[in-house]
PDB file of N, CA and C in Angstrom:
ATOM      1  N   UNK A   1      31.740  20.115   1.852  1.00  0.00           N
ATOM      2  CA  UNK A   1      30.677  21.267   2.532  1.00  0.00           C
ATOM      3  C   UNK A   1      29.674  20.852   3.525  1.00  0.00           C
ATOM      4  N   UNK A   2      30.032  21.438   4.792  1.00  0.00           N
ATOM      5  CA  UNK A   2      29.032  20.967   5.777  1.00  0.00           C
ATOM      6  C   UNK A   2      27.574  21.125   5.625  1.00  0.00           C
ATOM      7  N   UNK A   3      26.659  20.409   5.979  1.00  0.00           N
ATOM      8  CA  UNK A   3      25.426  20.670   5.814  1.00  0.00           C
ATOM      9  C   UNK A   3      24.778  21.347   7.330  1.00  0.00           C
ATOM     10  N   UNK A   4      24.749  22.630   7.291  1.00  0.00           N
ATOM     11  CA  UNK A   4      24.049  23.325   8.357  1.00  0.00           C
ATOM     12  C   UNK A   4      22.623  23.585   8.561  1.00  0.00           C
ATOM     13  N   UNK A   5      22.198  23.416   7.089  1.00  0.00           N
ATOM     14  CA  UNK A   5      20.725  24.028   7.319  1.00  0.00           C
ATOM     15  C   UNK A   5      20.417  23.120   6.107  1.00  0.00           C
ATOM     16  N   UNK A   6      18.674  23.035   5.939  1.00  0.00           N
ATOM     17  CA  UNK A   6      18.168  22.316   5.202  1.00  0.00           C
ATOM     18  C   UNK A   6      18.431  22.783   3.439  1.00  0.00           C
ATOM     19  N   UNK A   7      18.859  24.144   3.554  1.00  0.00           N
ATOM     20  CA  UNK A   7      19.305  24.798   2.283  1.00  0.00           C
ATOM     21  C   UNK A   7      20.476  24.276   1.645  1.00  0.00           C
ATOM     22  N   UNK A   8      21.283  23.811   2.526  1.00  0.00           N
ATOM     23  CA  UNK A   8      22.597  23.162   1.848  1.00  0.00           C
ATOM     24  C   UNK A   8      22.536  21.801   1.213  1.00  0.00           C
ATOM     25  N   UNK A   9      21.358  21.124   1.644  1.00  0.00           N
ATOM     26  CA  UNK A   9      20.944  19.898   0.954  1.00  0.00           C
ATOM     27  C   UNK A   9      20.870  20.198  -0.567  1.00  0.00           C
ATOM     28  N   UNK A  10      21.684  19.505  -1.263  1.00  0.00           N
ATOM     29  CA  UNK A  10      21.418  19.339  -2.991  1.00  0.00           C
ATOM     30  C   UNK A  10      20.085  18.939  -3.365  1.00  0.00           C
ATOM     31  N   UNK A  11      19.334  17.959  -2.685  1.00  0.00           N
ATOM     32  CA  UNK A  11      18.086  17.553  -3.144  1.00  0.00           C
ATOM     33  C   UNK A  11      17.230  18.841  -2.785  1.00  0.00           C
ATOM     34  N   UNK A  12      17.313  19.591  -1.710  1.00  0.00           N
ATOM     35  CA  UNK A  12      16.226  20.622  -1.401  1.00  0.00           C
ATOM     36  C   UNK A  12      16.556  21.741  -2.599  1.00  0.00           C
ATOM     37  N   UNK A  13      17.774  21.828  -2.861  1.00  0.00           N
ATOM     38  CA  UNK A  13      17.966  22.894  -3.882  1.00  0.00           C
ATOM     39  C   UNK A  13      17.342  22.519  -5.094  1.00  0.00           C
ATOM     40  N   UNK A  14      17.529  21.458  -5.580  1.00  0.00           N
ATOM     41  CA  UNK A  14      17.090  20.913  -6.846  1.00  0.00           C
ATOM     42  C   UNK A  14      15.535  21.040  -6.885  1.00  0.00           C
ATOM     43  N   UNK A  15      14.901  20.614  -5.732  1.00  0.00           N
ATOM     44  CA  UNK A  15      13.404  20.366  -5.745  1.00  0.00           C
ATOM     45  C   UNK A  15      12.872  21.949  -5.586  1.00  0.00           C
ATOM     46  N   UNK A  16      13.543  22.782  -4.848  1.00  0.00           N
ATOM     47  CA  UNK A  16      13.064  24.169  -4.779  1.00  0.00           C
ATOM     48  C   UNK A  16      13.389  24.862  -6.114  1.00  0.00           C
ATOM     49  N   UNK A  17      14.138  24.666  -6.828  1.00  0.00           N
ATOM     50  CA  UNK A  17      14.207  25.294  -8.332  1.00  0.00           C
ATOM     51  C   UNK A  17      13.488  24.608  -9.163  1.00  0.00           C
ATOM     52  N   UNK A  18      12.951  23.388  -9.172  1.00  0.00           N
ATOM     53  CA  UNK A  18      11.935  22.680  -9.961  1.00  0.00           C
ATOM     54  C   UNK A  18      10.407  23.254  -9.570  1.00  0.00           C
ATOM     55  N   UNK A  19      10.149  23.529  -8.361  1.00  0.00           N
ATOM     56  CA  UNK A  19       8.959  24.235  -7.768  1.00  0.00           C
ATOM     57  C   UNK A  19       8.754  25.423  -8.443  1.00  0.00           C
ATOM     58  N   UNK A  20      10.087  26.278  -8.377  1.00  0.00           N
ATOM     59  CA  UNK A  20      10.026  27.606  -8.935  1.00  0.00           C
ATOM     60  C   UNK A  20       9.393  27.522 -10.415  1.00  0.00           C
ATOM     61  N   UNK A  21      10.308  26.573 -11.004  1.00  0.00           N
ATOM     62  CA  UNK A  21       9.900  26.475 -12.491  1.00  0.00           C
ATOM     63  C   UNK A  21       8.363  26.120 -12.884  1.00  0.00           C
ATOM     64  N   UNK A  22       7.799  25.373 -12.143  1.00  0.00           N
ATOM     65  CA  UNK A  22       6.342  24.841 -12.028  1.00  0.00           C
ATOM     66  C   UNK A  22       5.651  26.254 -11.927  1.00  0.00           C
ATOM     67  N   UNK A  23       5.851  27.182 -10.709  1.00  0.00           N
ATOM     68  CA  UNK A  23       5.136  28.074 -10.544  1.00  0.00           C
ATOM     69  C   UNK A  23       5.346  29.252 -11.724  1.00  0.00           C
ATOM     70  N   UNK A  24       6.467  29.288 -12.327  1.00  0.00           N
ATOM     71  CA  UNK A  24       6.789  30.324 -13.543  1.00  0.00           C
ATOM     72  C   UNK A  24       5.849  29.986 -14.535  1.00  0.00           C
ATOM     73  N   UNK A  25       5.757  28.478 -14.771  1.00  0.00           N
ATOM     74  CA  UNK A  25       4.851  28.073 -15.692  1.00  0.00           C
ATOM     75  C   UNK A  25       3.322  28.409 -15.562  1.00  0.00           C
ATOM     76  N   UNK A  26       3.120  28.251 -14.721  1.00  0.00           N
ATOM     77  CA  UNK A  26       1.624  28.515 -14.077  1.00  0.00           C
ATOM     78  C   UNK A  26       1.189  30.081 -14.169  1.00  0.00           C
ATOM     79  N   UNK A  27       2.358  30.820 -13.783  1.00  0.00           N
ATOM     80  CA  UNK A  27       2.051  32.334 -14.111  1.00  0.00           C
ATOM     81  C   UNK A  27       1.970  32.750 -15.736  1.00  0.00           C
ATOM     82  N   UNK A  28       2.386  31.922 -16.522  1.00  0.00           N
ATOM     83  CA  UNK A  28       2.122  32.251 -18.088  1.00  0.00           C
ATOM     84  C   UNK A  28       1.046  31.422 -18.576  1.00  0.00           C
ATOM     85  N   UNK A  29       0.403  30.589 -17.761  1.00  0.00           N
ATOM     86  CA  UNK A  29      -0.477  29.687 -18.474  1.00  0.00           C
ATOM     87  C   UNK A  29      -1.827  30.257 -18.598  1.00  0.00           C
ATOM     88  N   UNK A  30      -2.419  29.905 -19.519  1.00  0.00           N
ATOM     89  CA  UNK A  30      -3.900  30.397 -19.592  1.00  0.00           C
ATOM     90  C   UNK A  30      -4.967  29.525 -18.650  1.00  0.00           C
ATOM     91  N   UNK A  31      -5.402  30.113 -17.896  1.00  0.00           N
ATOM     92  CA  UNK A  31      -6.149  29.847 -16.562  1.00  0.00           C
ATOM     93  C   UNK A  31      -7.534  29.537 -16.788  1.00  0.00           C
ATOM     94  N   UNK A  32      -8.032  28.560 -17.430  1.00  0.00           N
ATOM     95  CA  UNK A  32      -9.374  28.307 -17.660  1.00  0.00           C
ATOM     96  C   UNK A  32     -10.032  27.479 -16.337  1.00  0.00           C
ATOM     97  N   UNK A  33     -11.153  27.338 -16.293  1.00  0.00           N
ATOM     98  CA  UNK A  33     -11.799  26.868 -15.231  1.00  0.00           C
ATOM     99  C   UNK A  33     -11.628  25.388 -15.281  1.00  0.00           C
ATOM    100  N   UNK A  34     -11.331  24.982 -16.562  1.00  0.00           N
ATOM    101  CA  UNK A  34     -10.945  23.282 -16.830  1.00  0.00           C
ATOM    102  C   UNK A  34      -9.677  23.059 -16.018  1.00  0.00           C
ATOM    103  N   UNK A  35      -8.769  24.024 -16.309  1.00  0.00           N
ATOM    104  CA  UNK A  35      -7.159  23.669 -16.091  1.00  0.00           C
ATOM    105  C   UNK A  35      -6.642  24.123 -14.778  1.00  0.00           C
ATOM    106  N   UNK A  36      -7.707  25.198 -14.071  1.00  0.00           N
ATOM    107  CA  UNK A  36      -7.034  25.904 -13.064  1.00  0.00           C
ATOM    108  C   UNK A  36      -6.747  24.746 -11.706  1.00  0.00           C
ATOM    109  N   UNK A  37      -7.517  23.773 -11.662  1.00  0.00           N
ATOM    110  CA  UNK A  37      -7.723  22.990 -10.529  1.00  0.00           C
ATOM    111  C   UNK A  37      -6.377  21.973 -10.767  1.00  0.00           C
ATOM    112  N   UNK A  38      -6.122  21.538 -11.841  1.00  0.00           N
ATOM    113  CA  UNK A  38      -5.031  20.571 -12.374  1.00  0.00           C
ATOM    114  C   UNK A  38      -3.734  21.381 -11.938  1.00  0.00           C
ATOM    115  N   UNK A  39      -3.652  22.681 -12.162  1.00  0.00           N
ATOM    116  CA  UNK A  39      -2.570  23.387 -12.116  1.00  0.00           C
ATOM    117  C   UNK A  39      -2.361  23.810 -10.368  1.00  0.00           C
ATOM    118  N   UNK A  40      -3.195  23.971  -9.892  1.00  0.00           N
ATOM    119  CA  UNK A  40      -3.373  24.190  -8.178  1.00  0.00           C
ATOM    120  C   UNK A  40      -2.552  22.687  -7.803  1.00  0.00           C
ATOM    121  N   UNK A  41      -2.926  21.553  -8.161  1.00  0.00           N
ATOM    122  CA  UNK A  41      -2.587  20.138  -7.606  1.00  0.00           C
ATOM    123  C   UNK A  41      -1.053  20.290  -8.003  1.00  0.00           C
ATOM    124  N   UNK A  42      -0.910  20.685  -9.130  1.00  0.00           N
ATOM    125  CA  UNK A  42       0.586  20.453  -9.480  1.00  0.00           C
ATOM    126  C   UNK A  42       1.537  21.340  -8.950  1.00  0.00           C
ATOM    127  N   UNK A  43       0.983  22.560  -8.550  1.00  0.00           N
ATOM    128  CA  UNK A  43       1.900  23.794  -7.763  1.00  0.00           C
ATOM    129  C   UNK A  43       2.032  23.136  -6.219  1.00  0.00           C
ATOM    130  N   UNK A  44       0.811  22.664  -5.546  1.00  0.00           N
ATOM    131  CA  UNK A  44       0.655  21.909  -4.312  1.00  0.00           C
ATOM    132  C   UNK A  44       1.843  20.843  -4.222  1.00  0.00           C
ATOM    133  N   UNK A  45       1.844  19.917  -5.111  1.00  0.00           N
ATOM    134  CA  UNK A  45       2.793  18.826  -4.887  1.00  0.00           C
ATOM    135  C   UNK A  45       4.464  19.286  -5.322  1.00  0.00           C
ATOM    136  N   UNK A  46       4.545  20.345  -6.123  1.00  0.00           N
ATOM    137  CA  UNK A  46       5.729  20.873  -6.543  1.00  0.00           C
ATOM    138  C   UNK A  46       6.377  21.369  -5.174  1.00  0.00           C
ATOM    139  N   UNK A  47       5.407  22.160  -4.371  1.00  0.00           N
ATOM    140  CA  UNK A  47       6.035  22.895  -3.385  1.00  0.00           C
ATOM    141  C   UNK A  47       6.122  22.032  -2.173  1.00  0.00           C
ATOM    142  N   UNK A  48       5.354  20.797  -2.117  1.00  0.00           N
ATOM    143  CA  UNK A  48       5.452  20.094  -0.939  1.00  0.00           C
ATOM    144  C   UNK A  48       6.753  19.293  -0.870  1.00  0.00           C
ATOM    145  N   UNK A  49       7.386  18.996  -1.839  1.00  0.00           N
ATOM    146  CA  UNK A  49       8.619  18.128  -1.898  1.00  0.00           C
ATOM    147  C   UNK A  49       9.918  18.947  -1.156  1.00  0.00           C
ATOM    148  N   UNK A  50      10.153  20.180  -1.536  1.00  0.00           N
ATOM    149  CA  UNK A  50      11.056  20.905  -0.734  1.00  0.00           C
ATOM    150  C   UNK A  50      10.493  21.279   0.476  1.00  0.00           C
ATOM    151  N   UNK A  51       9.260  21.717   0.882  1.00  0.00           N
ATOM    152  CA  UNK A  51       8.770  21.682   2.274  1.00  0.00           C
ATOM    153  C   UNK A  51       8.837  20.616   3.220  1.00  0.00           C
ATOM    154  N   UNK A  52       8.796  19.380   2.836  1.00  0.00           N
ATOM    155  CA  UNK A  52       8.759  18.449   3.412  1.00  0.00           C
ATOM    156  C   UNK A  52      10.312  18.008   3.923  1.00  0.00           C
ATOM    157  N   UNK A  53      10.898  18.458   2.966  1.00  0.00           N
ATOM    158  CA  UNK A  53      12.435  18.475   3.047  1.00  0.00           C
ATOM    159  C   UNK A  53      12.849  19.113   4.319  1.00  0.00           C
ATOM    160  N   UNK A  54      12.722  20.275   4.249  1.00  0.00           N
ATOM    161  CA  UNK A  54      12.929  21.530   5.033  1.00  0.00           C
ATOM    162  C   UNK A  54      12.350  21.002   6.511  1.00  0.00           C
ATOM    163  N   UNK A  55      11.179  20.623   6.473  1.00  0.00           N
ATOM    164  CA  UNK A  55      10.483  20.214   7.623  1.00  0.00           C
ATOM    165  C   UNK A  55      11.055  19.021   8.602  1.00  0.00           C
ATOM    166  N   UNK A  56      11.331  18.144   7.730  1.00  0.00           N
ATOM    167  CA  UNK A  56      12.019  16.857   8.083  1.00  0.00           C
ATOM    168  C   UNK A  56      13.300  17.233   8.838  1.00  0.00           C
ATOM    169  N   UNK A  57      14.151  17.981   7.900  1.00  0.00           N
ATOM    170  CA  UNK A  57      15.525  18.399   8.483  1.00  0.00           C
ATOM    171  C   UNK A  57      15.543  19.179   9.895  1.00  0.00           C
ATOM    172  N   UNK A  58      14.445  20.003   9.976  1.00  0.00           N
ATOM    173  CA  UNK A  58      14.377  20.569  11.342  1.00  0.00           C
ATOM    174  C   UNK A  58      13.917  19.828  12.149  1.00  0.00           C
ATOM    175  N   UNK A  59      13.570  18.424  12.157  1.00  0.00           N
ATOM    176  CA  UNK A  59      13.027  17.797  13.002  1.00  0.00           C
ATOM    177  C   UNK A  59      14.254  17.128  13.896  1.00  0.00           C
ATOM    178  N   UNK A  60      15.348  17.471  13.531  1.00  0.00           N
ATOM    179  CA  UNK A  60      16.509  16.819  14.171  1.00  0.00           C
ATOM    180  C   UNK A  60      16.662  15.449  13.722  1.00  0.00           C
ATOM    181  N   UNK A  61      16.355  14.951  12.421  1.00  0.00           N
ATOM    182  CA  UNK A  61      16.826  14.134  11.869  1.00  0.00           C
ATOM    183  C   UNK A  61      16.026  12.801  12.417  1.00  0.00           C
ATOM    184  N   UNK A  62      16.617  11.328  12.382  1.00  0.00           N
ATOM    185  CA  UNK A  62      15.806  10.342  12.966  1.00  0.00           C
ATOM    186  C   UNK A  62      14.551  10.009  12.247  1.00  0.00           C
ATOM    187  N   UNK A  63      13.614   9.177  12.919  1.00  0.00           N
ATOM    188  CA  UNK A  63      12.512   8.668  12.039  1.00  0.00           C
ATOM    189  C   UNK A  63      11.732   9.821  11.422  1.00  0.00           C
ATOM    190  N   UNK A  64      11.415  11.035  12.128  1.00  0.00           N
ATOM    191  CA  UNK A  64      10.655  11.995  11.554  1.00  0.00           C
ATOM    192  C   UNK A  64      11.410  12.521  10.308  1.00  0.00           C
ATOM    193  N   UNK A  65      12.683  12.698  10.238  1.00  0.00           N
ATOM    194  CA  UNK A  65      13.278  13.040   9.148  1.00  0.00           C
ATOM    195  C   UNK A  65      13.100  11.998   7.829  1.00  0.00           C
ATOM    196  N   UNK A  66      13.347  10.802   8.189  1.00  0.00           N
ATOM    197  CA  UNK A  66      12.895   9.825   6.942  1.00  0.00           C
ATOM    198  C   UNK A  66      11.628   9.915   6.744  1.00  0.00           C
ATOM    199  N   UNK A  67      10.579   9.984   7.632  1.00  0.00           N
ATOM    200  CA  UNK A  67       9.342   9.831   7.272  1.00  0.00           C
ATOM    201  C   UNK A  67       8.883  10.964   6.473  1.00  0.00           C
ATOM    202  N   UNK A  68       9.235  12.206   6.499  1.00  0.00           N
ATOM    203  CA  UNK A  68       9.142  13.391   5.745  1.00  0.00           C
ATOM    204  C   UNK A  68       9.953  13.285   4.271  1.00  0.00           C
ATOM    205  N   UNK A  69      11.040  12.625   4.327  1.00  0.00           N
ATOM    206  CA  UNK A  69      11.577  12.572   3.114  1.00  0.00           C
ATOM    207  C   UNK A  69      10.789  11.358   2.367  1.00  0.00           C
ATOM    208  N   UNK A  70       9.909  10.485   2.910  1.00  0.00           N
ATOM    209  CA  UNK A  70       9.459   9.493   2.302  1.00  0.00           C
ATOM    210  C   UNK A  70       7.997  10.260   1.765  1.00  0.00           C
ATOM    211  N   UNK A  71       7.719  11.214   2.419  1.00  0.00           N
ATOM    212  CA  UNK A  71       6.439  11.954   1.997  1.00  0.00           C
ATOM    213  C   UNK A  71       6.696  12.674   0.614  1.00  0.00           C
ATOM    214  N   UNK A  72       8.172  13.471   0.580  1.00  0.00           N
ATOM    215  CA  UNK A  72       8.425  14.070  -0.384  1.00  0.00           C
ATOM    216  C   UNK A  72       8.800  12.944  -1.509  1.00  0.00           C
ATOM    217  N   UNK A  73       9.225  11.940  -1.414  1.00  0.00           N
ATOM    218  CA  UNK A  73       9.553  11.021  -2.508  1.00  0.00           C
ATOM    219  C   UNK A  73       7.942  10.694  -3.088  1.00  0.00           C
ATOM    220  N   UNK A  74       7.077  10.405  -2.225  1.00  0.00           N
ATOM    221  CA  UNK A  74       5.750  10.229  -2.958  1.00  0.00           C
ATOM    222  C   UNK A  74       5.052  11.402  -3.617  1.00  0.00           C
ATOM    223  N   UNK A  75       5.551  12.447  -3.087  1.00  0.00           N
ATOM    224  CA  UNK A  75       5.085  13.945  -4.012  1.00  0.00           C
ATOM    225  C   UNK A  75       5.711  13.736  -5.303  1.00  0.00           C
ATOM    226  N   UNK A  76       6.889  13.125  -5.498  1.00  0.00           N
ATOM    227  CA  UNK A  76       7.544  13.010  -6.954  1.00  0.00           C
ATOM    228  C   UNK A  76       6.645  12.190  -7.748  1.00  0.00           C
ATOM    229  N   UNK A  77       6.117  11.145  -7.182  1.00  0.00           N
ATOM    230  CA  UNK A  77       5.108  10.374  -8.081  1.00  0.00           C
ATOM    231  C   UNK A  77       3.907  11.217  -8.397  1.00  0.00           C
ATOM    232  N   UNK A  78       3.405  12.130  -7.632  1.00  0.00           N
ATOM    233  CA  UNK A  78       2.303  12.752  -7.776  1.00  0.00           C
ATOM    234  C   UNK A  78       2.440  13.800  -8.914  1.00  0.00           C
ATOM    235  N   UNK A  79       3.604  14.429  -8.661  1.00  0.00           N
ATOM    236  CA  UNK A  79       4.076  15.872  -9.655  1.00  0.00           C
ATOM    237  C   UNK A  79       4.403  14.951 -11.097  1.00  0.00           C
ATOM    238  N   UNK A  80       4.963  14.010 -11.044  1.00  0.00           N
ATOM    239  CA  UNK A  80       5.079  13.150 -12.196  1.00  0.00           C
ATOM    240  C   UNK A  80       3.688  13.148 -13.059  1.00  0.00           C
ATOM    241  N   UNK A  81       2.857  12.623 -12.309  1.00  0.00           N
ATOM    242  CA  UNK A  81       1.423  12.450 -13.023  1.00  0.00           C
ATOM    243  C   UNK A  81       1.069  14.107 -13.392  1.00  0.00           C
ATOM    244  N   UNK A  82       0.989  14.971 -12.722  1.00  0.00           N
ATOM    245  CA  UNK A  82       0.084  16.156 -13.138  1.00  0.00           C
ATOM    246  C   UNK A  82       1.016  16.677 -14.114  1.00  0.00           C
ATOM    247  N   UNK A  83       2.236  16.611 -14.152  1.00  0.00           N
ATOM    248  CA  UNK A  83       3.205  17.037 -15.337  1.00  0.00           C
ATOM    249  C   UNK A  83       2.881  16.522 -16.602  1.00  0.00           C
ATOM    250  N   UNK A  84       2.458  15.186 -16.511  1.00  0.00           N
ATOM    251  CA  UNK A  84       2.235  14.399 -17.749  1.00  0.00           C
ATOM    252  C   UNK A  84       0.853  14.805 -18.382  1.00  0.00           C
ATOM    253  N   UNK A  85      -0.131  14.979 -17.143  1.00  0.00           N
ATOM    254  CA  UNK A  85      -1.606  15.600 -17.551  1.00  0.00           C
ATOM    255  C   UNK A  85      -1.354  16.956 -18.278  1.00  0.00           C
ATOM    256  N   UNK A  86      -0.589  17.788 -17.915  1.00  0.00           N
ATOM    257  CA  UNK A  86      -0.607  19.013 -18.338  1.00  0.00           C
ATOM    258  C   UNK A  86       0.147  19.030 -19.694  1.00  0.00           C
ATOM    259  N   UNK A  87       1.007  18.123 -19.928  1.00  0.00           N
ATOM    260  CA  UNK A  87       1.375  17.822 -21.347  1.00  0.00           C
ATOM    261  C   UNK A  87       0.408  17.318 -22.038  1.00  0.00           C
ATOM    262  N   UNK A  88      -0.270  16.333 -21.685  1.00  0.00           N
ATOM    263  CA  UNK A  88      -1.222  15.721 -22.654  1.00  0.00           C
ATOM    264  C   UNK A  88      -2.405  16.563 -23.103  1.00  0.00           C
ATOM    265  N   UNK A  89      -2.785  17.429 -22.148  1.00  0.00           N
ATOM    266  CA  UNK A  89      -3.886  18.504 -22.471  1.00  0.00           C
ATOM    267  C   UNK A  89      -3.524  19.639 -23.010  1.00  0.00           C
ATOM    268  N   UNK A  90      -2.295  19.707 -23.362  1.00  0.00           N
ATOM    269  CA  UNK A  90      -1.750  20.838 -24.281  1.00  0.00           C
ATOM    270  C   UNK A  90      -1.412  22.063 -23.265  1.00  0.00           C
ATOM    271  N   UNK A  91      -1.425  21.767 -22.005  1.00  0.00           N
ATOM    272  CA  UNK A  91      -0.748  23.201 -21.278  1.00  0.00           C
ATOM    273  C   UNK A  91       0.578  23.513 -21.198  1.00  0.00           C
ATOM    274  N   UNK A  92       1.498  22.310 -21.405  1.00  0.00           N
ATOM    275  CA  UNK A  92       2.837  22.577 -21.637  1.00  0.00           C
ATOM    276  C   UNK A  92       3.461  21.485 -22.816  1.00  0.00           C
ATOM    277  N   UNK A  93       4.523  22.315 -23.341  1.00  0.00           N
ATOM    278  CA  UNK A  93       4.869  21.673 -24.460  1.00  0.00           C
ATOM    279  C   UNK A  93       5.926  20.299 -24.179  1.00  0.00           C
ATOM    280  N   UNK A  94       5.997  19.750 -25.040  1.00  0.00           N
ATOM    281  CA  UNK A  94       7.003  18.561 -24.947  1.00  0.00           C
ATOM    282  C   UNK A  94       8.419  18.617 -24.448  1.00  0.00           C
ATOM    283  N   UNK A  95       9.077  19.993 -24.770  1.00  0.00           N
ATOM    284  CA  UNK A  95      10.421  20.010 -24.313  1.00  0.00           C
ATOM    285  C   UNK A  95      10.340  20.757 -22.815  1.00  0.00           C
ATOM    286  N   UNK A  96       9.330  21.151 -22.107  1.00  0.00           N
ATOM    287  CA  UNK A  96       9.080  21.366 -21.031  1.00  0.00           C
ATOM    288  C   UNK A  96       8.564  20.226 -20.235  1.00  0.00           C
ATOM    289  N   UNK A  97       7.901  19.349 -20.661  1.00  0.00           N
ATOM    290  CA  UNK A  97       7.361  18.189 -19.923  1.00  0.00           C
ATOM    291  C   UNK A  97       8.557  17.072 -19.561  1.00  0.00           C
ATOM    292  N   UNK A  98       9.488  17.073 -20.801  1.00  0.00           N
ATOM    293  CA  UNK A  98      10.612  16.292 -20.630  1.00  0.00           C
ATOM    294  C   UNK A  98      11.674  16.916 -19.623  1.00  0.00           C
ATOM    295  N   UNK A  99      11.752  18.191 -19.693  1.00  0.00           N
ATOM    296  CA  UNK A  99      12.705  18.614 -18.687  1.00  0.00           C
ATOM    297  C   UNK A  99      12.304  18.496 -17.187  1.00  0.00           C
ATOM    298  N   UNK A 100      11.196  18.899 -16.787  1.00  0.00           N
ATOM    299  CA  UNK A 100      10.516  18.679 -15.756  1.00  0.00           C
ATOM    300  C   UNK A 100      10.409  17.128 -15.258  1.00  0.00           C
ATOM    301  N   UNK A 101      10.032  16.264 -16.143  1.00  0.00           N
ATOM    302  CA  UNK A 101       9.928  14.777 -15.890  1.00  0.00           C
ATOM    303  C   UNK A 101      11.485  14.396 -15.500  1.00  0.00           C
ATOM    304  N   UNK A 102      12.589  14.980 -16.062  1.00  0.00           N
ATOM    305  CA  UNK A 102      13.827  14.469 -15.835  1.00  0.00           C
ATOM    306  C   UNK A 102      14.362  15.176 -14.483  1.00  0.00           C
ATOM    307  N   UNK A 103      13.756  16.387 -14.220  1.00  0.00           N
ATOM    308  CA  UNK A 103      14.027  17.040 -12.774  1.00  0.00           C
ATOM    309  C   UNK A 103      13.568  16.060 -11.632  1.00  0.00           C
ATOM    310  N   UNK A 104      12.193  15.731 -11.904  1.00  0.00           N
ATOM    311  CA  UNK A 104      11.677  14.980 -10.634  1.00  0.00           C
ATOM    312  C   UNK A 104      12.220  13.641 -10.540  1.00  0.00           C
ATOM    313  N   UNK A 105      12.781  12.854 -11.787  1.00  0.00           N
ATOM    314  CA  UNK A 105      13.333  11.858 -11.793  1.00  0.00           C
ATOM    315  C   UNK A 105      14.574  12.059 -10.760  1.00  0.00           C
ATOM    316  N   UNK A 106      15.414  12.836 -11.405  1.00  0.00           N
ATOM    317  CA  UNK A 106      16.812  13.217 -10.444  1.00  0.00           C
ATOM    318  C   UNK A 106      16.246  13.625  -9.106  1.00  0.00           C
ATOM    319  N   UNK A 107      15.398  14.036  -8.666  1.00  0.00           N
ATOM    320  CA  UNK A 107      14.957  14.448  -7.270  1.00  0.00           C
ATOM    321  C   UNK A 107      14.758  13.206  -6.519  1.00  0.00           C
ATOM    322  N   UNK A 108      14.012  12.381  -7.203  1.00  0.00           N
ATOM    323  CA  UNK A 108      13.615  10.896  -6.890  1.00  0.00           C
ATOM    324  C   UNK A 108      14.791  10.245  -6.539  1.00  0.00           C
ATOM    325  N   UNK A 109      15.702  10.128  -7.173  1.00  0.00           N
ATOM    326  CA  UNK A 109      16.987   9.216  -7.145  1.00  0.00           C
ATOM    327  C   UNK A 109      17.828   9.993  -5.776  1.00  0.00           C
ATOM    328  N   UNK A 110      17.784  11.115  -5.893  1.00  0.00           N
ATOM    329  CA  UNK A 110      18.620  12.067  -4.622  1.00  0.00           C
ATOM    330  C   UNK A 110      17.795  11.653  -3.201  1.00  0.00           C
ATOM    331  N   UNK A 111      16.272  11.643  -3.355  1.00  0.00           N
ATOM    332  CA  UNK A 111      15.647  11.286  -2.047  1.00  0.00           C
ATOM    333  C   UNK A 111      15.905   9.841  -1.656  1.00  0.00           C
ATOM    334  N   UNK A 112      15.829   9.004  -2.821  1.00  0.00           N
ATOM    335  CA  UNK A 112      16.027   7.471  -2.269  1.00  0.00           C
ATOM    336  C   UNK A 112      17.273   7.365  -1.769  1.00  0.00           C
ATOM    337  N   UNK A 113      18.542   7.997  -2.302  1.00  0.00           N
ATOM    338  CA  UNK A 113      19.925   8.103  -1.628  1.00  0.00           C
ATOM    339  C   UNK A 113      19.754   8.569  -0.181  1.00  0.00           C
ATOM    340  N   UNK A 114      19.354   9.708  -0.056  1.00  0.00           N
ATOM    341  CA  UNK A 114      19.152  10.257   1.511  1.00  0.00           C
ATOM    342  C   UNK A 114      18.452   9.304   2.329  1.00  0.00           C
ATOM    343  N   UNK A 115      17.381   8.835   1.841  1.00  0.00           N
ATOM    344  CA  UNK A 115      16.793   7.841   2.670  1.00  0.00           C
ATOM    345  C   UNK A 115      17.474   6.775   3.098  1.00  0.00           C
ATOM    346  N   UNK A 116      18.140   5.868   2.031  1.00  0.00           N
ATOM    347  CA  UNK A 116      19.036   4.989   2.520  1.00  0.00           C
ATOM    348  C   UNK A 116      20.160   5.393   3.559  1.00  0.00           C
ATOM    349  N   UNK A 117      20.505   6.483   3.328  1.00  0.00           N
ATOM    350  CA  UNK A 117      21.986   6.837   4.279  1.00  0.00           C
ATOM    351  C   UNK A 117      21.331   7.345   5.698  1.00  0.00           C
ATOM    352  N   UNK A 118      19.783   7.559   5.675  1.00  0.00           N
ATOM    353  CA  UNK A 118      19.570   8.091   7.059  1.00  0.00           C
ATOM    354  C   UNK A 118      18.670   6.899   7.904  1.00  0.00           C
ATOM    355  N   UNK A 119      18.604   5.857   7.344  1.00  0.00           N
ATOM    356  CA  UNK A 119      18.031   4.955   8.071  1.00  0.00           C
ATOM    357  C   UNK A 119      19.012   4.070   8.865  1.00  0.00           C
TER     358      UNK A 119
END
């Protein structure tokens, strides 16, 4: 299958689905003043990953594409941290934490591979 747009990239598809999972969790969460900012940071990091992939793809590849992929890769570290925090403070259960951690590990591996192929 030819890649004609960023939505054709498997890494974008996986990152987008993961971001939507995070947002669905936020919508169901009890939003206290103590947890609201943590949720906001988590959502920001989650949506930053597919957004940077899309932006980089539309930059017509090259150095800008790789730079945006590297930013997305960095965001996987941030979201990994925020998901851990949400688990440790009781906002998400262990199964949800493990699923999200696995999703973002897979996204990281996919981003690393795409970066290697693009340099």
